[in-house]
Amino acid sequence: MGRGPARRPSKGTPSLARELLGAVEVERTRGSGETYTVIEYSAQVQELLLALYRDGNP
């Protein structure tokens, strides 16, 4: 049975796990004045993602 379509992340409160690990949303502004949101990762999260990538885990 499939999972269905992917859902966009909610604009609600960040999950406790994400907050504890250090993955945060940061709002930035383009030169045109348009704002957008990026996700920035702490060094701890970057190391975890790199380890998962190298181990071949999704």
Protein backbone atom coordinates (compact mmCIF):
# COMPACT_ATOMS: atom_id res chain seq x y z
CA MET A 1 0.00 0.00 0.00
CA GLY A 2 1.43 3.39 -1.01
CA ARG A 3 2.03 6.34 1.21
CA GLY A 4 0.09 8.83 -0.91
CA PRO A 5 1.22 12.25 -2.01
CA ALA A 6 3.90 14.06 -0.08
CA ARG A 7 2.69 16.82 2.20
CA ARG A 8 4.30 20.22 2.54
CA PRO A 9 5.76 20.94 5.97
CA SER A 10 3.37 22.86 8.17
CA LYS A 11 4.06 26.42 9.16
CA GLY A 12 3.38 25.46 12.78
CA THR A 13 5.73 25.05 15.68
CA PRO A 14 8.93 23.10 14.93
CA SER A 15 9.03 19.60 16.36
CA LEU A 16 10.92 19.14 19.59
CA ALA A 17 13.36 16.72 17.89
CA ARG A 18 14.16 19.19 15.13
CA GLU A 19 14.62 21.97 17.66
CA LEU A 20 16.90 19.84 19.87
CA LEU A 21 19.03 18.71 16.93
CA GLY A 22 19.44 22.21 15.56
CA ALA A 23 17.53 22.25 12.29
CA VAL A 24 15.91 25.67 12.05
CA GLU A 25 13.91 27.62 9.49
CA VAL A 26 15.40 31.00 8.60
CA GLU A 27 13.58 33.64 6.61
CA ARG A 28 15.68 35.45 4.02
CA THR A 29 15.01 38.26 1.58
CA ARG A 30 15.99 38.34 -2.08
CA GLY A 31 17.31 41.51 -3.68
CA SER A 32 13.84 42.00 -5.16
CA GLY A 33 12.36 42.18 -1.65
CA GLU A 34 10.66 38.78 -1.90
CA THR A 35 11.06 36.65 1.22
CA TYR A 36 11.68 32.92 1.31
CA THR A 37 12.44 30.30 3.94
CA VAL A 38 15.48 28.04 4.10
CA ILE A 39 16.35 25.26 6.52
CA GLU A 40 19.72 25.60 8.22
CA TYR A 41 21.33 22.64 9.98
CA SER A 42 23.62 22.66 12.98
CA ALA A 43 26.98 20.90 12.70
CA GLN A 44 25.45 17.94 14.60
CA VAL A 45 22.64 17.51 12.05
CA GLN A 46 25.07 17.94 9.12
CA GLU A 47 27.27 15.15 10.53
CA LEU A 48 24.23 12.88 11.01
CA LEU A 49 23.00 13.47 7.45
CA LEU A 50 26.48 12.85 6.04
CA ALA A 51 26.79 9.60 8.02
CA LEU A 52 23.39 8.42 6.78
CA TYR A 53 24.37 9.29 3.20
CA ARG A 54 27.68 7.45 3.43
CA ASP A 55 25.99 4.39 4.97
CA GLY A 56 23.43 4.35 2.17
CA ASN A 57 20.46 4.98 4.44
CA PRO A 58 17.66 7.27 3.25
